Amino acid sequence: MSPTFHVPYAVPTVLLALALFFKLPTFIRAWRDPEVRATTLLLFWATSALVVIIPVNIERLNKLTGIPNIAAPWAYSFLTASCATGLTMIMRWREEPSERRRRRIRRIYCIYIGIIASLWVTFFLASVSKPRIYDLDTYYANTPWMREHILLYLVAHLMSCLTAAFMLWKWFQEVEKPWLKTGVVFLQVGFALGLVFDAAKLTAVTARWFGTDWDWLSTKAAPPFAMLEAVLAAAGFIIPQAGPALQRWARDQSEYRRLWPLWRAVHTLMPAAAPAHFGFWVPLDLRVMQRQQRIHDALRILAPYFNTGLYHRAYTEAVTTHNRAEARAIAGAASILDAIASYRRGTPTHTSGQPPQIGPEITDHIAAISVALYRPRSLDSVRQRVTHTENFDTHA
């Protein structure tokens, strides 16, 4: 056995294992969600099937159990389970929750559980004493019970690919969500490759029945299609869930980074209450929420020191060289820096009995203000012009 021969098996196995690894945190948080459960199970079945069929693992399993070719029912059971899970996921996507849908899903699970049980029964009824690593399907194509064992998994896989491809083809034009549509395309290609795999395998097995040796169709041609099918089908089921999640993560990551300059400017102020410390592994949306809350708490502390007149003067200066949104952000940044300085000096701007508040021109635009703090050249230019105007007015 050449190690390089195992690379085609190892690559899709590692990819599926990584997808399963990254899916586990979502499964732990939302295991009650049927789609999350089904996707995790699908990845587990597909990964397990590929792990078992790696040639070196077939040998290890044979030696560990002392049963020749025991990897066959394990691999075919995992493959059959992934077929059942894939069909039920497509049904969940296509149909609204109903009693009819639940009955159909239960029926599919019952049928495929029966197929898996039959795979084990036929395997133990067959006489397969000689271990076959690469050509089990064709070598035992004429062996009683093993013949039925091989046909059972191939026909089950063929029917699941045909059914899934038909359902997806009928449904494709109705799909509007772009991520879901992308997933459906991956699935259609994956199931098409699965049909090529079944055709190659069945042709090789049938050739053996008629005394012809076309084993290369089973041992060389079919496996790459099976592995590509596994990867594409897994991607097709993952993309509709992972795509929107990645979009949300990118949006939250951008917001978190944008808020950093303003958070850095105000985080040394006395907090309104003892804050909860969120670690790196806390979901990003919660960390964004915490950073926003810290900033708003600091703005409430700065309210007595906030100079509304300074904000309007800074806006008047900034709008001459920037658009309104940028001018509003620069004016907000300048007035917040001034309020922080007044807070540290202990010289509040508002001394009346009415509780001061910072208006929505600041509180509704904290991200833009934070970005303005990150661009000190424009901010310093406006602050200098405002200071020059104030000095000129004072001397006049």
Protein backbone atom coordinates (compact mmCIF):
# COMPACT_ATOMS: atom_id res chain seq x y z
CA MET A 1 0.00 0.00 0.00
CA SER A 2 1.56 3.26 -1.08
CA PRO A 3 0.98 6.19 1.30
CA THR A 4 0.37 8.51 -1.65
CA PHE A 5 -2.60 6.37 -2.60
CA HIS A 6 -4.25 7.39 0.66
CA VAL A 7 -3.99 11.12 -0.02
CA PRO A 8 -7.21 11.19 -2.10
CA TYR A 9 -9.00 9.60 0.87
CA ALA A 10 -7.34 11.80 3.48
CA VAL A 11 -8.05 15.20 1.91
CA PRO A 12 -11.89 15.03 1.85
CA THR A 13 -11.84 13.26 5.23
CA VAL A 14 -9.84 16.09 6.81
CA LEU A 15 -12.09 18.71 5.19
CA LEU A 16 -15.23 17.04 6.54
CA ALA A 17 -13.65 16.53 9.96
CA LEU A 18 -12.75 20.23 10.12
CA ALA A 19 -16.30 21.18 9.12
CA LEU A 20 -17.62 18.91 11.88
CA PHE A 21 -15.19 20.41 14.40
CA PHE A 22 -16.28 23.96 13.61
CA LYS A 23 -19.94 22.92 13.66
CA LEU A 24 -19.77 21.41 17.15
CA PRO A 25 -19.96 24.74 19.09
CA THR A 26 -23.15 25.62 17.18
CA PHE A 27 -24.53 22.15 17.92
CA ILE A 28 -23.77 22.56 21.64
CA ARG A 29 -25.50 25.97 21.74
CA ALA A 30 -28.50 25.08 19.54
CA TRP A 31 -28.85 21.30 19.65
CA ARG A 32 -32.64 21.62 19.85
CA ASP A 33 -32.75 23.13 16.35
CA PRO A 34 -33.61 20.28 13.92
CA GLU A 35 -31.52 21.76 11.10
CA VAL A 36 -28.46 22.15 13.33
CA ARG A 37 -28.88 18.59 14.60
CA ALA A 38 -29.34 17.21 11.10
CA THR A 39 -26.32 19.09 9.69
CA THR A 40 -24.09 17.91 12.53
CA LEU A 41 -25.28 14.32 12.12
CA LEU A 42 -24.77 14.48 8.36
CA LEU A 43 -21.17 15.65 8.83
CA PHE A 44 -20.60 12.96 11.44
CA TRP A 45 -21.95 10.15 9.21
CA ALA A 46 -20.06 11.34 6.14
CA THR A 47 -16.80 11.83 8.06
CA SER A 48 -17.15 8.43 9.72
CA ALA A 49 -17.76 6.71 6.37
CA LEU A 50 -14.63 8.27 4.86
CA VAL A 51 -12.55 7.47 7.95
CA VAL A 52 -13.57 3.81 7.77
CA ILE A 53 -12.84 3.37 4.05
CA ILE A 54 -9.26 4.68 4.26
CA PRO A 55 -7.29 1.53 3.34
CA VAL A 56 -5.05 1.62 6.40
CA ASN A 57 -8.11 1.91 8.64
CA ILE A 58 -9.77 -1.05 6.93
CA GLU A 59 -6.73 -3.15 7.84
CA ARG A 60 -6.72 -1.84 11.40
CA LEU A 61 -10.42 -2.57 11.86
CA ASN A 62 -10.01 -6.10 10.51
CA LYS A 63 -7.12 -6.79 12.91
CA LEU A 64 -8.81 -5.08 15.88
CA THR A 65 -12.04 -7.05 15.58
CA GLY A 66 -10.66 -10.24 14.11
CA ILE A 67 -13.50 -10.20 11.55
CA PRO A 68 -12.43 -9.96 7.90
CA ASN A 69 -14.04 -7.10 5.93
CA ILE A 70 -15.96 -5.79 8.96
CA ALA A 71 -15.27 -2.26 7.65
CA ALA A 72 -17.83 -2.87 4.87
CA PRO A 73 -21.02 -2.82 6.98
CA TRP A 74 -19.65 0.03 9.07
CA ALA A 75 -18.85 2.21 6.03
CA TYR A 76 -22.07 1.33 4.22
CA SER A 77 -24.13 1.99 7.37
CA PHE A 78 -22.59 5.43 7.79
CA LEU A 79 -23.17 6.13 4.09
CA THR A 80 -26.82 5.03 4.34
CA ALA A 81 -27.38 7.12 7.48
CA SER A 82 -25.97 10.21 5.74
CA CYS A 83 -28.34 9.57 2.81
CA ALA A 84 -31.33 9.49 5.15
CA THR A 85 -30.23 12.64 6.98
CA GLY A 86 -29.67 14.47 3.69
CA LEU A 87 -33.14 13.62 2.40
CA THR A 88 -34.83 14.78 5.61
CA MET A 89 -32.87 18.05 5.57
CA ILE A 90 -34.03 18.79 2.03
CA MET A 91 -37.62 18.10 3.14
CA ARG A 92 -37.21 20.53 6.05
CA TRP A 93 -35.98 23.20 3.66
CA ARG A 94 -38.70 22.68 1.04
CA GLU A 95 -41.77 22.21 3.22
CA GLU A 96 -43.33 24.14 6.06
CA PRO A 97 -43.66 22.25 9.37
CA SER A 98 -46.72 19.99 9.26
CA GLU A 99 -47.90 16.60 10.39
CA ARG A 100 -47.51 15.33 6.80
CA ARG A 101 -43.87 16.40 6.73
CA ARG A 102 -43.21 14.77 10.11
CA ARG A 103 -44.77 11.51 8.90
CA ARG A 104 -42.64 11.53 5.73
CA ILE A 105 -39.46 12.20 7.70
CA ARG A 106 -40.26 9.40 10.16
CA ARG A 107 -40.99 7.08 7.22
CA ILE A 108 -37.59 7.84 5.67
CA TYR A 109 -35.79 7.18 8.94
CA CYS A 110 -37.66 3.89 9.39
CA ILE A 111 -36.82 2.74 5.83
CA TYR A 112 -33.15 3.55 6.16
CA ILE A 113 -32.88 2.03 9.64
CA GLY A 114 -34.31 -1.13 8.07
CA ILE A 115 -31.68 -0.94 5.31
CA ILE A 116 -28.86 -0.55 7.85
CA ALA A 117 -30.16 -3.53 9.83
CA SER A 118 -30.33 -5.56 6.62
CA LEU A 119 -26.74 -4.62 5.77
CA TRP A 120 -25.53 -6.16 9.03
CA VAL A 121 -27.72 -9.25 8.67
CA THR A 122 -26.57 -9.96 5.11
CA PHE A 123 -22.92 -9.36 6.04
CA PHE A 124 -22.95 -11.91 8.86
CA LEU A 125 -24.85 -14.40 6.70
CA ALA A 126 -22.22 -14.12 3.95
CA SER A 127 -19.00 -16.07 3.80
CA VAL A 128 -16.29 -13.44 3.31
CA SER A 129 -13.24 -14.92 4.98
CA LYS A 130 -10.63 -13.35 2.70
CA PRO A 131 -9.96 -9.66 3.48
CA ARG A 132 -10.28 -7.34 0.47
CA ILE A 133 -9.08 -3.78 0.87
CA TYR A 134 -9.77 -2.27 -2.54
CA ASP A 135 -12.00 -4.60 -4.54
CA LEU A 136 -14.49 -6.06 -2.04
CA ASP A 137 -17.55 -5.12 -4.12
CA THR A 138 -16.38 -6.90 -7.27
CA TYR A 139 -14.48 -9.76 -5.60
CA TYR A 140 -17.59 -10.86 -3.69
CA ALA A 141 -20.10 -9.83 -6.38
CA ASN A 142 -21.24 -13.45 -6.86
CA THR A 143 -21.04 -14.53 -3.20
CA PRO A 144 -24.45 -15.39 -1.67
CA TRP A 145 -25.67 -12.76 0.81
CA MET A 146 -22.64 -10.55 0.15
CA ARG A 147 -24.08 -9.98 -3.31
CA GLU A 148 -27.30 -8.78 -1.67
CA HIS A 149 -25.28 -6.75 0.86
CA ILE A 150 -23.48 -4.87 -1.93
CA LEU A 151 -26.63 -4.34 -3.99
CA LEU A 152 -28.50 -3.11 -0.92
CA TYR A 153 -26.15 -0.23 -0.18
CA LEU A 154 -25.68 0.70 -3.84
CA VAL A 155 -29.42 0.74 -4.62
CA ALA A 156 -30.17 2.67 -1.40
CA HIS A 157 -27.53 5.25 -2.31
CA LEU A 158 -28.75 5.42 -5.92
CA MET A 159 -32.36 5.98 -4.88
CA SER A 160 -31.43 8.65 -2.35
CA CYS A 161 -29.36 10.53 -4.97
CA LEU A 162 -32.18 10.31 -7.53
CA THR A 163 -34.82 11.40 -5.01
CA ALA A 164 -32.72 14.26 -3.69
CA ALA A 165 -31.79 15.47 -7.19
CA PHE A 166 -35.45 15.36 -8.27
CA MET A 167 -36.64 17.30 -5.20
CA LEU A 168 -33.93 19.91 -5.61
CA TRP A 169 -34.59 20.30 -9.34
CA LYS A 170 -38.30 20.92 -8.74
CA TRP A 171 -37.58 23.34 -5.90
CA PHE A 172 -34.67 25.31 -7.40
CA GLN A 173 -36.76 27.96 -9.16
CA GLU A 174 -38.64 28.73 -5.95
CA VAL A 175 -35.50 29.39 -3.90
CA GLU A 176 -34.93 33.11 -3.37
CA LYS A 177 -32.30 33.31 -0.63
CA PRO A 178 -28.86 33.51 -2.27
CA TRP A 179 -27.03 31.39 0.29
CA LEU A 180 -29.68 28.69 0.11
CA LYS A 181 -29.58 28.76 -3.69
CA THR A 182 -25.80 28.33 -3.61
CA GLY A 183 -26.21 25.37 -1.29
CA VAL A 184 -28.75 23.78 -3.62
CA VAL A 185 -26.32 24.09 -6.56
CA PHE A 186 -23.58 22.36 -4.55
CA LEU A 187 -26.03 19.61 -3.62
CA GLN A 188 -27.18 19.09 -7.18
CA VAL A 189 -23.59 18.71 -8.39
CA GLY A 190 -22.78 16.44 -5.45
CA PHE A 191 -25.75 14.14 -6.05
CA ALA A 192 -24.95 14.04 -9.77
CA LEU A 193 -21.46 12.80 -8.88
CA GLY A 194 -23.07 10.27 -6.57
CA LEU A 195 -25.06 8.91 -9.50
CA VAL A 196 -21.83 8.54 -11.51
CA PHE A 197 -20.33 6.63 -8.56
CA ASP A 198 -23.34 4.29 -8.42
CA ALA A 199 -23.29 3.75 -12.18
CA ALA A 200 -19.58 2.83 -12.15
CA LYS A 201 -19.99 0.47 -9.20
CA LEU A 202 -23.11 -1.24 -10.53
CA THR A 203 -21.54 -1.65 -13.98
CA ALA A 204 -18.45 -3.31 -12.48
CA VAL A 205 -20.57 -5.61 -10.28
CA THR A 206 -22.86 -6.54 -13.20
CA ALA A 207 -19.82 -7.27 -15.36
CA ARG A 208 -18.65 -9.75 -12.71
CA TRP A 209 -22.03 -11.51 -12.89
CA PHE A 210 -21.43 -12.09 -16.61
CA GLY A 211 -17.83 -13.20 -16.13
CA THR A 212 -16.20 -9.97 -17.30
CA ASP A 213 -13.50 -8.13 -15.35
CA TRP A 214 -14.28 -4.40 -15.30
CA ASP A 215 -13.05 -4.01 -11.75
CA TRP A 216 -11.23 -0.77 -12.59
CA LEU A 217 -14.62 0.96 -12.72
CA SER A 218 -15.14 0.07 -9.05
CA THR A 219 -11.60 0.39 -7.72
CA LYS A 220 -10.23 3.33 -9.74
CA ALA A 221 -13.05 5.28 -11.39
CA ALA A 222 -15.77 5.27 -8.72
CA PRO A 223 -13.95 6.36 -5.49
CA PRO A 224 -13.05 9.93 -6.59
CA PHE A 225 -16.71 10.60 -7.45
CA ALA A 226 -17.80 9.33 -4.02
CA MET A 227 -15.32 11.54 -2.20
CA LEU A 228 -16.21 14.60 -4.25
CA GLU A 229 -19.89 13.88 -3.63
CA ALA A 230 -19.26 13.75 0.13
CA VAL A 231 -17.44 17.10 0.15
CA LEU A 232 -19.90 18.90 -2.15
CA ALA A 233 -22.97 17.52 -0.39
CA ALA A 234 -21.56 18.52 3.00
CA ALA A 235 -20.79 22.00 1.62
CA GLY A 236 -24.30 22.22 0.18
CA PHE A 237 -25.87 21.52 3.55
CA ILE A 238 -23.46 23.78 5.46
CA ILE A 239 -23.49 26.86 3.20
CA PRO A 240 -27.14 27.90 3.83
CA GLN A 241 -26.38 28.01 7.56
CA ALA A 242 -22.73 29.07 7.53
CA GLY A 243 -23.15 31.81 4.89
CA PRO A 244 -25.53 34.06 6.86
CA ALA A 245 -23.58 33.30 10.05
CA LEU A 246 -20.34 34.41 8.39
CA GLN A 247 -22.04 37.56 7.14
CA ARG A 248 -23.21 38.36 10.67
CA TRP A 249 -19.74 37.59 12.02
CA ALA A 250 -18.09 39.89 9.46
CA ARG A 251 -20.57 42.65 10.26
CA ASP A 252 -20.04 42.25 14.02
CA GLN A 253 -16.26 42.07 13.59
CA SER A 254 -16.31 45.29 11.57
CA GLU A 255 -18.50 47.01 14.17
CA TYR A 256 -16.29 45.76 17.02
CA ARG A 257 -13.16 47.13 15.36
CA ARG A 258 -14.86 50.42 14.42
CA LEU A 259 -15.89 51.01 18.05
CA TRP A 260 -12.39 50.43 19.41
CA PRO A 261 -11.01 54.04 19.14
CA LEU A 262 -14.03 55.50 20.99
CA TRP A 263 -14.00 52.69 23.56
CA ARG A 264 -10.27 53.30 24.15
CA ALA A 265 -10.93 57.02 24.65
CA VAL A 266 -13.66 56.51 27.28
CA HIS A 267 -12.87 53.14 28.93
CA THR A 268 -10.79 54.74 31.72
CA LEU A 269 -13.80 56.73 32.93
CA MET A 270 -15.52 55.45 36.06
CA PRO A 271 -18.12 52.83 34.94
CA ALA A 272 -21.74 53.19 35.89
CA ALA A 273 -21.67 49.68 37.35
CA ALA A 274 -19.22 46.81 37.72
CA PRO A 275 -18.93 45.47 34.17
CA ALA A 276 -18.98 41.83 33.18
CA HIS A 277 -15.72 40.74 31.61
CA PHE A 278 -16.24 38.81 28.39
CA GLY A 279 -13.44 36.57 27.22
CA PHE A 280 -12.30 35.82 23.69
CA TRP A 281 -14.54 32.73 23.39
CA VAL A 282 -17.71 34.68 24.16
CA PRO A 283 -19.77 35.13 20.95
CA LEU A 284 -18.75 38.23 19.02
CA ASP A 285 -22.24 39.77 19.02
CA LEU A 286 -22.21 39.80 22.84
CA ARG A 287 -18.79 41.46 22.86
CA VAL A 288 -20.07 44.11 20.44
CA MET A 289 -23.06 44.68 22.71
CA GLN A 290 -20.77 45.00 25.73
CA ARG A 291 -18.52 47.51 23.97
CA GLN A 292 -21.56 49.57 22.91
CA GLN A 293 -22.93 49.49 26.45
CA ARG A 294 -19.59 50.61 27.90
CA ILE A 295 -19.53 53.57 25.52
CA HIS A 296 -23.11 54.59 26.36
CA ASP A 297 -22.35 54.29 30.09
CA ALA A 298 -19.34 56.56 29.62
CA LEU A 299 -21.44 59.07 27.64
CA ARG A 300 -23.88 59.28 30.55
CA ILE A 301 -20.94 60.10 32.84
CA LEU A 302 -19.72 62.73 30.38
CA ALA A 303 -23.15 64.37 29.97
CA PRO A 304 -22.51 67.18 32.55
CA TYR A 305 -19.24 68.01 30.77
CA PHE A 306 -20.55 67.94 27.21
CA ASN A 307 -20.44 71.30 25.41
CA THR A 308 -23.32 71.43 22.92
CA GLY A 309 -22.13 74.79 21.60
CA LEU A 310 -18.73 73.33 20.83
CA TYR A 311 -20.40 70.49 18.93
CA HIS A 312 -22.32 72.90 16.69
CA ARG A 313 -19.24 75.08 16.07
CA ALA A 314 -17.19 72.01 15.17
CA TYR A 315 -19.94 70.80 12.84
CA THR A 316 -20.04 74.22 11.12
CA GLU A 317 -16.29 74.08 10.54
CA ALA A 318 -16.23 70.42 9.45
CA VAL A 319 -19.11 70.67 6.97
CA THR A 320 -17.12 73.12 4.87
CA THR A 321 -14.65 70.38 3.88
CA HIS A 322 -16.60 67.14 4.50
CA ASN A 323 -20.04 65.74 3.76
CA ARG A 324 -22.71 66.00 6.45
CA ALA A 325 -22.25 62.49 7.87
CA GLU A 326 -18.49 62.92 8.18
CA ALA A 327 -18.91 66.43 9.61
CA ARG A 328 -21.35 65.13 12.24
CA ALA A 329 -18.90 62.38 13.22
CA ILE A 330 -15.92 64.77 13.44
CA ALA A 331 -17.94 67.24 15.51
CA GLY A 332 -19.04 64.43 17.82
CA ALA A 333 -15.46 63.22 18.24
CA ALA A 334 -14.20 66.74 18.99
CA SER A 335 -16.93 67.41 21.55
CA ILE A 336 -16.39 64.03 23.29
CA LEU A 337 -12.64 64.67 23.58
CA ASP A 338 -13.42 68.08 25.05
CA ALA A 339 -15.89 66.50 27.52
CA ILE A 340 -13.27 63.94 28.59
CA ALA A 341 -10.78 66.75 29.24
CA SER A 342 -13.41 68.70 31.23
CA TYR A 343 -14.23 65.55 33.23
CA ARG A 344 -10.59 65.09 34.18
CA ARG A 345 -10.28 68.76 35.17
CA GLY A 346 -13.51 68.51 37.15
CA THR A 347 -15.13 71.46 35.36
CA PRO A 348 -18.67 70.50 34.27
CA THR A 349 -20.38 72.54 31.56
CA HIS A 350 -23.88 72.05 32.99
CA THR A 351 -24.52 73.17 36.56
CA SER A 352 -28.33 73.49 36.53
CA GLY A 353 -30.52 71.14 38.57
CA GLN A 354 -31.95 69.40 35.46
CA PRO A 355 -30.06 66.15 34.65
CA PRO A 356 -27.99 66.77 31.52
CA GLN A 357 -28.20 64.42 28.55
CA ILE A 358 -26.18 63.90 25.41
CA GLY A 359 -28.46 64.05 22.37
CA PRO A 360 -29.02 61.52 19.57
CA GLU A 361 -26.56 63.38 17.32
CA ILE A 362 -23.95 61.61 19.46
CA THR A 363 -25.62 58.50 20.87
CA ASP A 364 -27.02 57.37 17.51
CA HIS A 365 -23.68 57.68 15.69
CA ILE A 366 -21.07 56.22 18.02
CA ALA A 367 -19.54 54.00 15.31
CA ALA A 368 -19.02 56.92 12.92
CA ILE A 369 -17.62 59.05 15.76
CA SER A 370 -15.22 56.25 16.64
CA VAL A 371 -13.99 56.13 13.04
CA ALA A 372 -13.43 59.91 13.15
CA LEU A 373 -11.22 59.43 16.23
CA TYR A 374 -9.16 57.00 14.18
CA ARG A 375 -8.42 59.79 11.67
CA PRO A 376 -6.67 62.40 13.81
CA ARG A 377 -5.55 64.63 10.92
CA SER A 378 -9.09 65.72 9.96
CA LEU A 379 -10.14 65.85 13.61
CA ASP A 380 -7.17 67.96 14.72
CA SER A 381 -7.66 70.34 11.80
CA VAL A 382 -11.29 71.01 12.79
CA ARG A 383 -10.39 71.35 16.49
CA GLN A 384 -7.68 73.87 15.66
CA ARG A 385 -10.04 75.91 13.51
CA VAL A 386 -12.69 75.88 16.27
CA THR A 387 -10.09 76.97 18.87
CA HIS A 388 -8.87 79.73 16.56
CA THR A 389 -12.45 80.96 16.04
CA GLU A 390 -13.12 80.94 19.80
CA ASN A 391 -9.91 82.91 20.50
CA PHE A 392 -10.78 85.40 17.74
CA ASP A 393 -14.30 85.92 19.16
CA THR A 394 -12.89 86.34 22.67
CA HIS A 395 -10.38 89.03 21.61
CA ALA A 396 -12.97 90.77 19.43
